Amino acid sequence: MPQPNPNFQFNYRISDTDRNDAVTALSVAFGEGRLTMDEFDRRCAAVAKAEYSPDLMALFQDLPQKPGQCQVPGQQVQQSPMYSGRDIELARRRGRNVRGGLMGLSTIASLALMGVFAEMRVDSLMMFSLLIIPTVFILLYVMKVGPDSWYTPSVRQIQRAQRQAVKMQQLELQSHQAAEIAMQKQQQRQQMDQLKNDALHIAQQTMQRFNKRG
């Protein structure tokens, strides 16, 4: 088990809220171009593994942003219920248990029907009952049929989705900036061409005047 860093004055175990604040601060730094994508990924992974406050603050020694002091720009804060990592994990576990229970009951029912149809010597119905197991598996684990609470994502999946969303925002921003720069260069080239044409026209007029005088 990692020990607290003695070089910091305050050592306490961090909460899920602390981790969310840290990821938000890193997102702001990433959006401002202070971190590369690889560095952003590494620091977010370190946030997920951090246990003590010094481990978290060490990730911000070279950044002006600090956890809990900034928000991701361009996003409005919405009032929504806060769920801790434990709440999410419990909800995910309950959904997994329900699906596992349905799968187990389907298996028992399929085997029971096979026994009944075997006694009745109805081969077609035996094959039908045997198909119940893979059918239920596909419905629950492939097609994910059922309420959303059965398929609650894990904390790690949520954090990964947040990192991907920040990356997409940064790529869109970079693409927009590149388009603006290209447009500005095009306008500058057009202005230069116009200036050259104007200068050439003035030079031709000047030469014509000199020729007339001569």
N, C-alpha and C. Protein backbone atom coordinates (compact mmCIF):
# COMPACT_ATOMS: atom_id res chain seq x y z
N MET A 1 0.85 -1.20 0.00
CA MET A 1 0.00 0.00 0.00
C MET A 1 0.88 1.24 0.00
N PRO A 2 0.63 2.22 -0.93
CA PRO A 2 1.46 3.44 -0.97
C PRO A 2 1.30 4.27 0.29
N GLN A 3 2.39 4.89 0.71
CA GLN A 3 2.39 5.71 1.91
C GLN A 3 2.26 7.19 1.55
N PRO A 4 1.72 8.01 2.44
CA PRO A 4 1.61 9.46 2.18
C PRO A 4 2.98 10.08 1.96
N ASN A 5 3.01 11.08 1.13
CA ASN A 5 4.24 11.80 0.84
C ASN A 5 4.56 12.73 2.01
N PRO A 6 5.67 12.56 2.71
CA PRO A 6 5.98 13.39 3.88
C PRO A 6 6.39 14.80 3.52
N ASN A 7 6.64 15.09 2.23
CA ASN A 7 7.08 16.43 1.84
C ASN A 7 5.94 17.43 1.81
N PHE A 8 4.71 16.99 1.97
CA PHE A 8 3.58 17.88 1.96
C PHE A 8 3.01 17.99 3.37
N GLN A 9 2.50 19.18 3.65
CA GLN A 9 2.03 19.44 5.01
C GLN A 9 0.74 18.69 5.31
N PHE A 10 -0.16 18.61 4.33
CA PHE A 10 -1.44 17.97 4.54
C PHE A 10 -1.48 16.66 3.76
N ASN A 11 -1.79 15.60 4.46
CA ASN A 11 -1.91 14.29 3.85
C ASN A 11 -3.26 13.71 4.24
N TYR A 12 -4.15 13.56 3.27
CA TYR A 12 -5.44 12.95 3.55
C TYR A 12 -5.84 12.12 2.33
N ARG A 13 -6.69 11.16 2.56
CA ARG A 13 -7.18 10.34 1.46
C ARG A 13 -8.16 11.13 0.61
N ILE A 14 -8.00 11.05 -0.69
CA ILE A 14 -8.84 11.84 -1.58
C ILE A 14 -10.15 11.10 -1.86
N SER A 15 -11.17 11.88 -2.24
CA SER A 15 -12.49 11.33 -2.53
C SER A 15 -12.72 11.32 -4.04
N ASP A 16 -13.87 10.78 -4.45
CA ASP A 16 -14.22 10.80 -5.88
C ASP A 16 -14.43 12.23 -6.37
N THR A 17 -14.95 13.09 -5.49
CA THR A 17 -15.10 14.50 -5.87
C THR A 17 -13.75 15.15 -6.14
N ASP A 18 -12.75 14.83 -5.30
CA ASP A 18 -11.39 15.35 -5.52
C ASP A 18 -10.85 14.89 -6.88
N ARG A 19 -11.10 13.62 -7.21
CA ARG A 19 -10.63 13.10 -8.50
C ARG A 19 -11.32 13.80 -9.66
N ASN A 20 -12.64 14.03 -9.53
CA ASN A 20 -13.37 14.73 -10.59
C ASN A 20 -12.85 16.15 -10.77
N ASP A 21 -12.57 16.84 -9.65
CA ASP A 21 -12.02 18.20 -9.73
C ASP A 21 -10.65 18.19 -10.42
N ALA A 22 -9.85 17.17 -10.12
CA ALA A 22 -8.52 17.08 -10.73
C ALA A 22 -8.63 16.85 -12.24
N VAL A 23 -9.53 15.97 -12.65
CA VAL A 23 -9.71 15.72 -14.08
C VAL A 23 -10.22 16.97 -14.79
N THR A 24 -11.11 17.73 -14.12
CA THR A 24 -11.60 18.98 -14.70
C THR A 24 -10.46 19.97 -14.90
N ALA A 25 -9.60 20.12 -13.88
CA ALA A 25 -8.47 21.04 -13.99
C ALA A 25 -7.51 20.60 -15.09
N LEU A 26 -7.27 19.30 -15.21
CA LEU A 26 -6.41 18.80 -16.28
C LEU A 26 -7.05 19.06 -17.65
N SER A 27 -8.37 18.95 -17.72
CA SER A 27 -9.07 19.21 -18.98
C SER A 27 -8.89 20.65 -19.42
N VAL A 28 -8.96 21.58 -18.46
CA VAL A 28 -8.75 22.99 -18.77
C VAL A 28 -7.32 23.22 -19.27
N ALA A 29 -6.35 22.62 -18.59
CA ALA A 29 -4.96 22.75 -19.01
C ALA A 29 -4.74 22.15 -20.39
N PHE A 30 -5.38 21.03 -20.65
CA PHE A 30 -5.28 20.39 -21.97
C PHE A 30 -5.90 21.27 -23.05
N GLY A 31 -7.05 21.86 -22.74
CA GLY A 31 -7.73 22.74 -23.69
C GLY A 31 -6.92 23.98 -24.01
N GLU A 32 -6.10 24.44 -23.07
CA GLU A 32 -5.26 25.63 -23.29
C GLU A 32 -3.94 25.28 -23.97
N GLY A 33 -3.73 23.99 -24.25
CA GLY A 33 -2.50 23.59 -24.92
C GLY A 33 -1.31 23.41 -24.00
N ARG A 34 -1.54 23.36 -22.70
CA ARG A 34 -0.43 23.19 -21.75
C ARG A 34 0.00 21.73 -21.65
N LEU A 35 -0.87 20.81 -22.04
CA LEU A 35 -0.57 19.38 -21.98
C LEU A 35 -0.82 18.75 -23.34
N THR A 36 0.04 17.80 -23.70
CA THR A 36 -0.22 17.01 -24.90
C THR A 36 -1.25 15.93 -24.57
N MET A 37 -1.74 15.26 -25.60
CA MET A 37 -2.73 14.21 -25.38
C MET A 37 -2.14 13.08 -24.53
N ASP A 38 -0.89 12.69 -24.84
CA ASP A 38 -0.26 11.61 -24.08
C ASP A 38 -0.08 12.00 -22.62
N GLU A 39 0.37 13.25 -22.40
CA GLU A 39 0.57 13.71 -21.02
C GLU A 39 -0.77 13.81 -20.30
N PHE A 40 -1.80 14.25 -21.00
CA PHE A 40 -3.14 14.33 -20.40
C PHE A 40 -3.63 12.94 -19.99
N ASP A 41 -3.42 11.94 -20.86
CA ASP A 41 -3.82 10.57 -20.53
C ASP A 41 -3.06 10.05 -19.33
N ARG A 42 -1.75 10.31 -19.30
CA ARG A 42 -0.93 9.81 -18.19
C ARG A 42 -1.36 10.43 -16.86
N ARG A 43 -1.64 11.71 -16.88
CA ARG A 43 -2.02 12.37 -15.62
C ARG A 43 -3.41 11.95 -15.17
N CYS A 44 -4.32 11.75 -16.12
CA CYS A 44 -5.66 11.27 -15.74
C CYS A 44 -5.58 9.86 -15.16
N ALA A 45 -4.71 9.03 -15.73
CA ALA A 45 -4.52 7.69 -15.18
C ALA A 45 -3.92 7.77 -13.77
N ALA A 46 -3.01 8.72 -13.57
CA ALA A 46 -2.43 8.90 -12.23
C ALA A 46 -3.48 9.40 -11.25
N VAL A 47 -4.41 10.23 -11.71
CA VAL A 47 -5.50 10.69 -10.84
C VAL A 47 -6.34 9.51 -10.38
N ALA A 48 -6.63 8.59 -11.30
CA ALA A 48 -7.45 7.43 -10.95
C ALA A 48 -6.75 6.54 -9.92
N LYS A 49 -5.41 6.51 -9.94
CA LYS A 49 -4.67 5.66 -9.01
C LYS A 49 -4.30 6.37 -7.71
N ALA A 50 -4.41 7.69 -7.67
CA ALA A 50 -3.99 8.45 -6.49
C ALA A 50 -4.84 8.10 -5.28
N GLU A 51 -4.21 8.10 -4.11
CA GLU A 51 -4.91 7.81 -2.86
C GLU A 51 -4.83 8.97 -1.88
N TYR A 52 -3.70 9.70 -1.90
CA TYR A 52 -3.49 10.78 -0.94
C TYR A 52 -3.41 12.12 -1.68
N SER A 53 -3.73 13.20 -0.97
CA SER A 53 -3.76 14.52 -1.58
C SER A 53 -2.41 14.94 -2.19
N PRO A 54 -1.27 14.65 -1.56
CA PRO A 54 0.00 15.02 -2.20
C PRO A 54 0.21 14.34 -3.54
N ASP A 55 -0.27 13.08 -3.67
CA ASP A 55 -0.15 12.40 -4.95
C ASP A 55 -0.92 13.14 -6.03
N LEU A 56 -2.03 13.76 -5.64
CA LEU A 56 -2.85 14.50 -6.59
C LEU A 56 -2.21 15.84 -6.93
N MET A 57 -1.76 16.57 -5.90
CA MET A 57 -1.19 17.90 -6.12
C MET A 57 0.13 17.83 -6.89
N ALA A 58 0.82 16.71 -6.81
CA ALA A 58 2.08 16.58 -7.54
C ALA A 58 1.87 16.65 -9.05
N LEU A 59 0.66 16.36 -9.50
CA LEU A 59 0.36 16.41 -10.93
C LEU A 59 0.15 17.83 -11.43
N PHE A 60 0.08 18.81 -10.52
CA PHE A 60 -0.22 20.19 -10.90
C PHE A 60 0.92 21.15 -10.54
N GLN A 61 2.11 20.63 -10.25
CA GLN A 61 3.22 21.49 -9.87
C GLN A 61 3.65 22.41 -11.00
N ASP A 62 3.49 21.97 -12.26
CA ASP A 62 3.90 22.79 -13.40
C ASP A 62 2.71 23.40 -14.13
N LEU A 63 1.55 23.46 -13.46
CA LEU A 63 0.35 24.00 -14.09
C LEU A 63 -0.26 25.09 -13.22
N PRO A 64 -0.82 26.13 -13.83
CA PRO A 64 -1.49 27.17 -13.02
C PRO A 64 -2.83 26.70 -12.48
N GLN A 65 -3.45 25.73 -13.18
CA GLN A 65 -4.74 25.22 -12.72
C GLN A 65 -4.54 24.35 -11.48
N LYS A 66 -5.52 24.42 -10.59
CA LYS A 66 -5.51 23.59 -9.38
C LYS A 66 -6.88 22.95 -9.23
N PRO A 67 -6.93 21.74 -8.68
CA PRO A 67 -8.22 21.06 -8.52
C PRO A 67 -9.20 21.88 -7.69
N GLY A 68 -10.43 21.94 -8.16
CA GLY A 68 -11.48 22.64 -7.43
C GLY A 68 -11.52 24.14 -7.67
N GLN A 69 -10.61 24.67 -8.50
CA GLN A 69 -10.54 26.12 -8.72
C GLN A 69 -10.92 26.53 -10.14
N CYS A 70 -11.31 25.58 -10.98
CA CYS A 70 -11.66 25.94 -12.34
C CYS A 70 -12.69 24.96 -12.88
N GLN A 71 -13.33 25.39 -13.97
CA GLN A 71 -14.30 24.58 -14.65
C GLN A 71 -13.93 24.52 -16.12
N VAL A 72 -14.42 23.48 -16.80
CA VAL A 72 -14.14 23.36 -18.22
C VAL A 72 -14.84 24.48 -18.95
N PRO A 73 -14.12 25.32 -19.73
CA PRO A 73 -14.76 26.45 -20.41
C PRO A 73 -15.75 25.97 -21.45
N GLY A 74 -16.77 26.82 -21.66
CA GLY A 74 -17.76 26.51 -22.68
C GLY A 74 -18.84 25.57 -22.21
N GLN A 75 -18.81 25.16 -20.97
CA GLN A 75 -19.82 24.26 -20.44
C GLN A 75 -20.54 24.94 -19.30
N GLN A 76 -21.85 24.80 -19.28
CA GLN A 76 -22.64 25.36 -18.23
C GLN A 76 -22.79 24.33 -17.13
N VAL A 77 -22.70 24.81 -15.91
CA VAL A 77 -22.84 23.91 -14.77
C VAL A 77 -24.31 23.58 -14.60
N GLN A 78 -24.65 22.32 -14.61
CA GLN A 78 -26.01 21.87 -14.46
C GLN A 78 -26.18 21.24 -13.09
N GLN A 79 -27.29 21.54 -12.47
CA GLN A 79 -27.59 20.95 -11.18
C GLN A 79 -28.07 19.52 -11.39
N SER A 80 -27.30 18.59 -10.98
CA SER A 80 -27.65 17.18 -11.14
C SER A 80 -27.16 16.43 -9.92
N PRO A 81 -27.79 15.30 -9.62
CA PRO A 81 -27.37 14.54 -8.45
C PRO A 81 -25.95 14.02 -8.61
N MET A 82 -25.19 14.06 -7.53
CA MET A 82 -23.81 13.58 -7.54
C MET A 82 -23.77 12.14 -7.07
N TYR A 83 -23.04 11.32 -7.80
CA TYR A 83 -22.89 9.91 -7.46
C TYR A 83 -21.41 9.62 -7.26
N SER A 84 -21.10 8.97 -6.17
CA SER A 84 -19.72 8.60 -5.91
C SER A 84 -19.37 7.34 -6.69
N GLY A 85 -18.07 7.05 -6.73
CA GLY A 85 -17.64 5.83 -7.40
C GLY A 85 -18.25 4.59 -6.78
N ARG A 86 -18.45 4.62 -5.46
CA ARG A 86 -19.05 3.47 -4.78
C ARG A 86 -20.51 3.30 -5.22
N ASP A 87 -21.25 4.41 -5.36
CA ASP A 87 -22.64 4.32 -5.80
C ASP A 87 -22.73 3.72 -7.20
N ILE A 88 -21.85 4.19 -8.09
CA ILE A 88 -21.86 3.68 -9.46
C ILE A 88 -21.52 2.20 -9.49
N GLU A 89 -20.52 1.81 -8.69
CA GLU A 89 -20.10 0.41 -8.68
C GLU A 89 -21.19 -0.48 -8.11
N LEU A 90 -21.90 -0.01 -7.08
CA LEU A 90 -23.00 -0.80 -6.52
C LEU A 90 -24.13 -0.96 -7.52
N ALA A 91 -24.46 0.12 -8.24
CA ALA A 91 -25.51 0.03 -9.25
C ALA A 91 -25.12 -0.94 -10.36
N ARG A 92 -23.85 -0.89 -10.75
CA ARG A 92 -23.37 -1.79 -11.79
C ARG A 92 -23.41 -3.24 -11.32
N ARG A 93 -23.06 -3.45 -10.05
CA ARG A 93 -23.08 -4.81 -9.51
C ARG A 93 -24.50 -5.35 -9.44
N ARG A 94 -25.45 -4.49 -9.05
CA ARG A 94 -26.84 -4.95 -8.98
C ARG A 94 -27.35 -5.34 -10.37
N GLY A 95 -27.03 -4.53 -11.38
CA GLY A 95 -27.44 -4.88 -12.73
C GLY A 95 -26.82 -6.17 -13.21
N ARG A 96 -25.54 -6.39 -12.86
CA ARG A 96 -24.87 -7.62 -13.25
C ARG A 96 -25.50 -8.82 -12.56
N ASN A 97 -25.89 -8.65 -11.29
CA ASN A 97 -26.53 -9.75 -10.56
C ASN A 97 -27.88 -10.10 -11.16
N VAL A 98 -28.64 -9.09 -11.57
CA VAL A 98 -29.95 -9.35 -12.17
C VAL A 98 -29.79 -10.12 -13.47
N ARG A 99 -28.86 -9.69 -14.30
CA ARG A 99 -28.64 -10.40 -15.57
C ARG A 99 -28.15 -11.82 -15.33
N GLY A 100 -27.25 -11.98 -14.36
CA GLY A 100 -26.77 -13.32 -14.05
C GLY A 100 -27.89 -14.20 -13.53
N GLY A 101 -28.78 -13.63 -12.70
CA GLY A 101 -29.90 -14.40 -12.19
C GLY A 101 -30.85 -14.84 -13.29
N LEU A 102 -31.14 -13.93 -14.22
CA LEU A 102 -32.01 -14.29 -15.34
C LEU A 102 -31.37 -15.36 -16.21
N MET A 103 -30.07 -15.26 -16.40
CA MET A 103 -29.37 -16.26 -17.19
C MET A 103 -29.43 -17.62 -16.50
N GLY A 104 -29.24 -17.64 -15.18
CA GLY A 104 -29.30 -18.90 -14.44
C GLY A 104 -30.68 -19.51 -14.46
N LEU A 105 -31.72 -18.69 -14.26
CA LEU A 105 -33.09 -19.20 -14.30
C LEU A 105 -33.44 -19.74 -15.68
N SER A 106 -32.97 -19.07 -16.72
CA SER A 106 -33.23 -19.54 -18.08
C SER A 106 -32.56 -20.89 -18.32
N THR A 107 -31.36 -21.06 -17.79
CA THR A 107 -30.67 -22.34 -17.94
C THR A 107 -31.43 -23.45 -17.23
N ILE A 108 -31.88 -23.18 -16.00
CA ILE A 108 -32.63 -24.19 -15.25
C ILE A 108 -33.93 -24.54 -15.97
N ALA A 109 -34.64 -23.50 -16.46
CA ALA A 109 -35.89 -23.75 -17.17
C ALA A 109 -35.66 -24.55 -18.44
N SER A 110 -34.57 -24.24 -19.15
CA SER A 110 -34.27 -24.96 -20.38
C SER A 110 -34.00 -26.43 -20.10
N LEU A 111 -33.20 -26.71 -19.07
CA LEU A 111 -32.89 -28.10 -18.73
C LEU A 111 -34.14 -28.84 -18.26
N ALA A 112 -34.98 -28.15 -17.49
CA ALA A 112 -36.21 -28.79 -17.02
C ALA A 112 -37.13 -29.14 -18.18
N LEU A 113 -37.27 -28.23 -19.12
CA LEU A 113 -38.12 -28.50 -20.29
C LEU A 113 -37.54 -29.62 -21.14
N MET A 114 -36.23 -29.66 -21.25
CA MET A 114 -35.61 -30.75 -22.01
C MET A 114 -35.94 -32.09 -21.38
N GLY A 115 -35.91 -32.15 -20.03
CA GLY A 115 -36.26 -33.40 -19.35
C GLY A 115 -37.71 -33.80 -19.58
N VAL A 116 -38.60 -32.80 -19.53
CA VAL A 116 -40.02 -33.09 -19.75
C VAL A 116 -40.26 -33.57 -21.18
N PHE A 117 -39.68 -32.88 -22.14
CA PHE A 117 -39.90 -33.26 -23.54
C PHE A 117 -39.21 -34.58 -23.87
N ALA A 118 -38.13 -34.90 -23.16
CA ALA A 118 -37.48 -36.19 -23.38
C ALA A 118 -38.38 -37.32 -22.93
N GLU A 119 -39.06 -37.12 -21.80
CA GLU A 119 -40.01 -38.13 -21.35
C GLU A 119 -41.16 -38.27 -22.34
N MET A 120 -41.56 -37.16 -22.93
CA MET A 120 -42.67 -37.19 -23.90
C MET A 120 -42.19 -37.61 -25.29
N ARG A 121 -40.87 -37.74 -25.45
CA ARG A 121 -40.27 -38.14 -26.73
C ARG A 121 -40.64 -37.16 -27.85
N VAL A 122 -40.57 -35.88 -27.53
CA VAL A 122 -40.83 -34.84 -28.54
C VAL A 122 -39.50 -34.16 -28.85
N ASP A 123 -38.82 -34.65 -29.88
CA ASP A 123 -37.47 -34.17 -30.18
C ASP A 123 -37.46 -32.70 -30.62
N SER A 124 -38.47 -32.28 -31.37
CA SER A 124 -38.48 -30.90 -31.87
C SER A 124 -38.56 -29.90 -30.72
N LEU A 125 -39.39 -30.21 -29.71
CA LEU A 125 -39.50 -29.31 -28.57
C LEU A 125 -38.24 -29.36 -27.71
N MET A 126 -37.55 -30.49 -27.69
CA MET A 126 -36.28 -30.57 -26.96
C MET A 126 -35.26 -29.60 -27.57
N MET A 127 -35.19 -29.57 -28.90
CA MET A 127 -34.26 -28.66 -29.56
C MET A 127 -34.66 -27.20 -29.30
N PHE A 128 -35.97 -26.95 -29.28
CA PHE A 128 -36.44 -25.59 -29.02
C PHE A 128 -36.03 -25.14 -27.62
N SER A 129 -36.21 -26.01 -26.64
CA SER A 129 -35.85 -25.65 -25.26
C SER A 129 -34.35 -25.44 -25.12
N LEU A 130 -33.56 -26.16 -25.93
CA LEU A 130 -32.11 -26.00 -25.87
C LEU A 130 -31.68 -24.63 -26.39
N LEU A 131 -32.47 -24.04 -27.27
CA LEU A 131 -32.14 -22.73 -27.83
C LEU A 131 -32.43 -21.59 -26.87
N ILE A 132 -33.11 -21.87 -25.77
CA ILE A 132 -33.45 -20.81 -24.82
C ILE A 132 -32.19 -20.18 -24.24
N ILE A 133 -31.20 -21.00 -23.91
CA ILE A 133 -29.98 -20.50 -23.24
C ILE A 133 -29.22 -19.50 -24.12
N PRO A 134 -28.84 -19.85 -25.36
CA PRO A 134 -28.12 -18.85 -26.17
C PRO A 134 -28.97 -17.64 -26.52
N THR A 135 -30.30 -17.84 -26.65
CA THR A 135 -31.17 -16.71 -26.97
C THR A 135 -31.16 -15.68 -25.84
N VAL A 136 -31.31 -16.16 -24.60
CA VAL A 136 -31.31 -15.25 -23.45
C VAL A 136 -29.94 -14.58 -23.30
N PHE A 137 -28.86 -15.33 -23.55
CA PHE A 137 -27.52 -14.75 -23.46
C PHE A 137 -27.35 -13.60 -24.45
N ILE A 138 -27.79 -13.80 -25.69
CA ILE A 138 -27.67 -12.75 -26.71
C ILE A 138 -28.50 -11.53 -26.32
N LEU A 139 -29.71 -11.77 -25.81
CA LEU A 139 -30.57 -10.65 -25.43
C LEU A 139 -29.96 -9.82 -24.30
N LEU A 140 -29.34 -10.50 -23.32
CA LEU A 140 -28.85 -9.79 -22.13
C LEU A 140 -27.46 -9.20 -22.32
N TYR A 141 -26.57 -9.93 -23.00
CA TYR A 141 -25.16 -9.53 -23.02
C TYR A 141 -24.70 -8.98 -24.37
N VAL A 142 -25.49 -9.18 -25.43
CA VAL A 142 -25.12 -8.64 -26.74
C VAL A 142 -26.04 -7.49 -27.13
N MET A 143 -27.34 -7.75 -27.14
CA MET A 143 -28.31 -6.71 -27.49
C MET A 143 -28.62 -5.79 -26.32
N LYS A 144 -28.26 -6.24 -25.10
CA LYS A 144 -28.45 -5.44 -23.87
C LYS A 144 -29.91 -5.00 -23.72
N VAL A 145 -30.81 -5.96 -23.83
CA VAL A 145 -32.23 -5.69 -23.64
C VAL A 145 -32.52 -5.54 -22.16
N GLY A 146 -33.32 -4.56 -21.79
CA GLY A 146 -33.66 -4.35 -20.39
C GLY A 146 -33.45 -2.90 -20.00
N PRO A 147 -33.77 -2.54 -18.76
CA PRO A 147 -33.60 -1.15 -18.31
C PRO A 147 -32.14 -0.74 -18.27
N ASP A 148 -31.89 0.56 -18.37
CA ASP A 148 -30.52 1.08 -18.38
C ASP A 148 -29.78 0.76 -17.08
N SER A 149 -30.51 0.60 -15.99
CA SER A 149 -29.85 0.33 -14.70
C SER A 149 -29.12 -1.00 -14.71
N TRP A 150 -29.48 -1.90 -15.64
CA TRP A 150 -28.79 -3.18 -15.72
C TRP A 150 -27.40 -3.03 -16.34
N TYR A 151 -27.16 -1.95 -17.02
CA TYR A 151 -25.92 -1.80 -17.78
C TYR A 151 -25.18 -0.53 -17.37
N THR A 152 -25.24 -0.19 -16.10
CA THR A 152 -24.55 0.99 -15.59
C THR A 152 -23.04 0.87 -15.82
N PRO A 153 -22.39 1.85 -16.44
CA PRO A 153 -20.95 1.75 -16.68
C PRO A 153 -20.15 1.87 -15.39
N SER A 154 -18.94 1.36 -15.44
CA SER A 154 -18.06 1.44 -14.28
C SER A 154 -17.43 2.83 -14.20
N VAL A 155 -16.81 3.13 -13.06
CA VAL A 155 -16.14 4.42 -12.88
C VAL A 155 -15.03 4.60 -13.91
N ARG A 156 -14.29 3.54 -14.18
CA ARG A 156 -13.21 3.61 -15.16
C ARG A 156 -13.75 3.93 -16.56
N GLN A 157 -14.89 3.31 -16.91
CA GLN A 157 -15.48 3.59 -18.22
C GLN A 157 -15.94 5.03 -18.32
N ILE A 158 -16.51 5.56 -17.23
CA ILE A 158 -16.96 6.96 -17.23
C ILE A 158 -15.77 7.90 -17.39
N GLN A 159 -14.68 7.64 -16.67
CA GLN A 159 -13.49 8.49 -16.78
C GLN A 159 -12.90 8.41 -18.18
N ARG A 160 -12.90 7.21 -18.77
CA ARG A 160 -12.39 7.07 -20.14
C ARG A 160 -13.25 7.87 -21.12
N ALA A 161 -14.57 7.82 -20.93
CA ALA A 161 -15.46 8.59 -21.80
C ALA A 161 -15.23 10.09 -21.64
N GLN A 162 -14.96 10.53 -20.40
CA GLN A 162 -14.69 11.95 -20.17
C GLN A 162 -13.41 12.38 -20.89
N ARG A 163 -12.37 11.53 -20.82
CA ARG A 163 -11.12 11.87 -21.49
C ARG A 163 -11.31 11.93 -23.01
N GLN A 164 -12.09 10.99 -23.55
CA GLN A 164 -12.34 10.99 -24.99
C GLN A 164 -13.11 12.23 -25.41
N ALA A 165 -14.08 12.65 -24.56
CA ALA A 165 -14.86 13.85 -24.88
C ALA A 165 -13.97 15.08 -24.91
N VAL A 166 -13.04 15.18 -23.95
CA VAL A 166 -12.12 16.32 -23.92
C VAL A 166 -11.22 16.30 -25.16
N LYS A 167 -10.76 15.12 -25.55
CA LYS A 167 -9.92 15.01 -26.74
C LYS A 167 -10.67 15.48 -27.99
N MET A 168 -11.93 15.06 -28.11
CA MET A 168 -12.71 15.45 -29.27
C MET A 168 -12.91 16.97 -29.30
N GLN A 169 -13.16 17.57 -28.13
CA GLN A 169 -13.31 19.02 -28.07
C GLN A 169 -12.03 19.72 -28.49
N GLN A 170 -10.88 19.18 -28.04
CA GLN A 170 -9.61 19.79 -28.39
C GLN A 170 -9.33 19.65 -29.89
N LEU A 171 -9.66 18.48 -30.47
CA LEU A 171 -9.45 18.28 -31.90
C LEU A 171 -10.35 19.20 -32.72
N GLU A 172 -11.59 19.37 -32.27
CA GLU A 172 -12.49 20.29 -32.97
C GLU A 172 -11.97 21.73 -32.90
N LEU A 173 -11.45 22.11 -31.73
CA LEU A 173 -10.89 23.45 -31.57
C LEU A 173 -9.69 23.65 -32.48
N GLN A 174 -8.79 22.65 -32.52
CA GLN A 174 -7.62 22.74 -33.38
C GLN A 174 -8.01 22.81 -34.85
N SER A 175 -9.02 22.02 -35.24
CA SER A 175 -9.49 22.04 -36.63
C SER A 175 -10.07 23.40 -36.98
N HIS A 176 -10.84 23.98 -36.06
CA HIS A 176 -11.41 25.31 -36.30
C HIS A 176 -10.32 26.36 -36.42
N GLN A 177 -9.31 26.28 -35.53
CA GLN A 177 -8.21 27.24 -35.59
C GLN A 177 -7.42 27.09 -36.89
N ALA A 178 -7.21 25.84 -37.33
CA ALA A 178 -6.48 25.61 -38.58
C ALA A 178 -7.24 26.18 -39.77
N ALA A 179 -8.57 26.03 -39.75
CA ALA A 179 -9.38 26.58 -40.84
C ALA A 179 -9.30 28.11 -40.86
N GLU A 180 -9.32 28.73 -39.67
CA GLU A 180 -9.21 30.19 -39.61
C GLU A 180 -7.86 30.67 -40.11
N ILE A 181 -6.79 29.96 -39.72
CA ILE A 181 -5.45 30.34 -40.17
C ILE A 181 -5.34 30.22 -41.69
N ALA A 182 -5.90 29.11 -42.24
CA ALA A 182 -5.85 28.93 -43.69
C ALA A 182 -6.62 30.04 -44.41
N MET A 183 -7.76 30.43 -43.85
CA MET A 183 -8.55 31.50 -44.45
C MET A 183 -7.79 32.83 -44.40
N GLN A 184 -7.13 33.10 -43.26
CA GLN A 184 -6.36 34.33 -43.14
C GLN A 184 -5.20 34.36 -44.15
N LYS A 185 -4.53 33.22 -44.33
CA LYS A 185 -3.44 33.16 -45.31
C LYS A 185 -3.97 33.39 -46.72
N GLN A 186 -5.15 32.81 -47.01
CA GLN A 186 -5.73 33.01 -48.33
C GLN A 186 -6.05 34.48 -48.56
N GLN A 187 -6.61 35.13 -47.54
CA GLN A 187 -6.92 36.56 -47.66
C GLN A 187 -5.65 37.38 -47.83
N GLN A 188 -4.59 37.01 -47.11
CA GLN A 188 -3.32 37.73 -47.25
C GLN A 188 -2.75 37.58 -48.65
N ARG A 189 -2.85 36.36 -49.21
CA ARG A 189 -2.36 36.15 -50.58
C ARG A 189 -3.16 36.98 -51.58
N GLN A 190 -4.48 37.02 -51.37
CA GLN A 190 -5.31 37.83 -52.27
C GLN A 190 -4.96 39.31 -52.17
N GLN A 191 -4.70 39.78 -50.94
CA GLN A 191 -4.31 41.18 -50.76
C GLN A 191 -2.97 41.47 -51.43
N MET A 192 -2.02 40.53 -51.28
CA MET A 192 -0.71 40.72 -51.92
C MET A 192 -0.84 40.74 -53.43
N ASP A 193 -1.67 39.82 -53.97
CA ASP A 193 -1.88 39.81 -55.42
C ASP A 193 -2.51 41.12 -55.89
N GLN A 194 -3.46 41.62 -55.10
CA GLN A 194 -4.10 42.88 -55.46
C GLN A 194 -3.10 44.04 -55.44
N LEU A 195 -2.23 44.05 -54.41
CA LEU A 195 -1.21 45.09 -54.33
C LEU A 195 -0.24 45.01 -55.50
N LYS A 196 0.13 43.79 -55.90
CA LYS A 196 1.03 43.63 -57.04
C LYS A 196 0.38 44.12 -58.32
N ASN A 197 -0.90 43.78 -58.48
CA ASN A 197 -1.60 44.23 -59.68
C ASN A 197 -1.72 45.75 -59.71
N ASP A 198 -2.03 46.32 -58.55
CA ASP A 198 -2.14 47.79 -58.48
C ASP A 198 -0.80 48.45 -58.79
N ALA A 199 0.28 47.88 -58.22
CA ALA A 199 1.61 48.45 -58.46
C ALA A 199 1.98 48.34 -59.93
N LEU A 200 1.66 47.18 -60.55
CA LEU A 200 1.96 46.99 -61.96
C LEU A 200 1.16 47.96 -62.82
N HIS A 201 -0.10 48.16 -62.45
CA HIS A 201 -0.94 49.10 -63.20
C HIS A 201 -0.40 50.53 -63.11
N ILE A 202 0.02 50.92 -61.90
CA ILE A 202 0.60 52.26 -61.72
C ILE A 202 1.88 52.41 -62.52
N ALA A 203 2.71 51.36 -62.51
CA ALA A 203 3.97 51.41 -63.26
C ALA A 203 3.70 51.54 -64.76
N GLN A 204 2.70 50.82 -65.26
CA GLN A 204 2.38 50.91 -66.68
C GLN A 204 1.88 52.31 -67.05
N GLN A 205 1.04 52.88 -66.18
CA GLN A 205 0.55 54.23 -66.44
C GLN A 205 1.70 55.24 -66.44
N THR A 206 2.65 55.06 -65.52
CA THR A 206 3.80 55.96 -65.45
C THR A 206 4.65 55.87 -66.71
N MET A 207 4.89 54.63 -67.18
CA MET A 207 5.67 54.44 -68.39
C MET A 207 4.97 55.05 -69.60
N GLN A 208 3.64 54.91 -69.64
CA GLN A 208 2.91 55.49 -70.75
C GLN A 208 3.03 57.01 -70.76
N ARG A 209 3.00 57.65 -69.59
CA ARG A 209 3.14 59.10 -69.53
C ARG A 209 4.52 59.53 -70.01
N PHE A 210 5.56 58.78 -69.58
CA PHE A 210 6.92 59.12 -70.03
C PHE A 210 7.05 58.96 -71.54
N ASN A 211 6.43 57.92 -72.07
CA ASN A 211 6.51 57.68 -73.51
C ASN A 211 5.84 58.81 -74.29
N LYS A 212 4.72 59.29 -73.77
CA LYS A 212 4.02 60.38 -74.44
C LYS A 212 4.86 61.66 -74.43
N ARG A 213 5.57 61.92 -73.33
CA ARG A 213 6.40 63.11 -73.24
C ARG A 213 7.58 63.03 -74.20
N GLY A 214 8.07 61.76 -74.34
CA GLY A 214 9.21 61.60 -75.23
C GLY A 214 8.84 61.79 -76.68
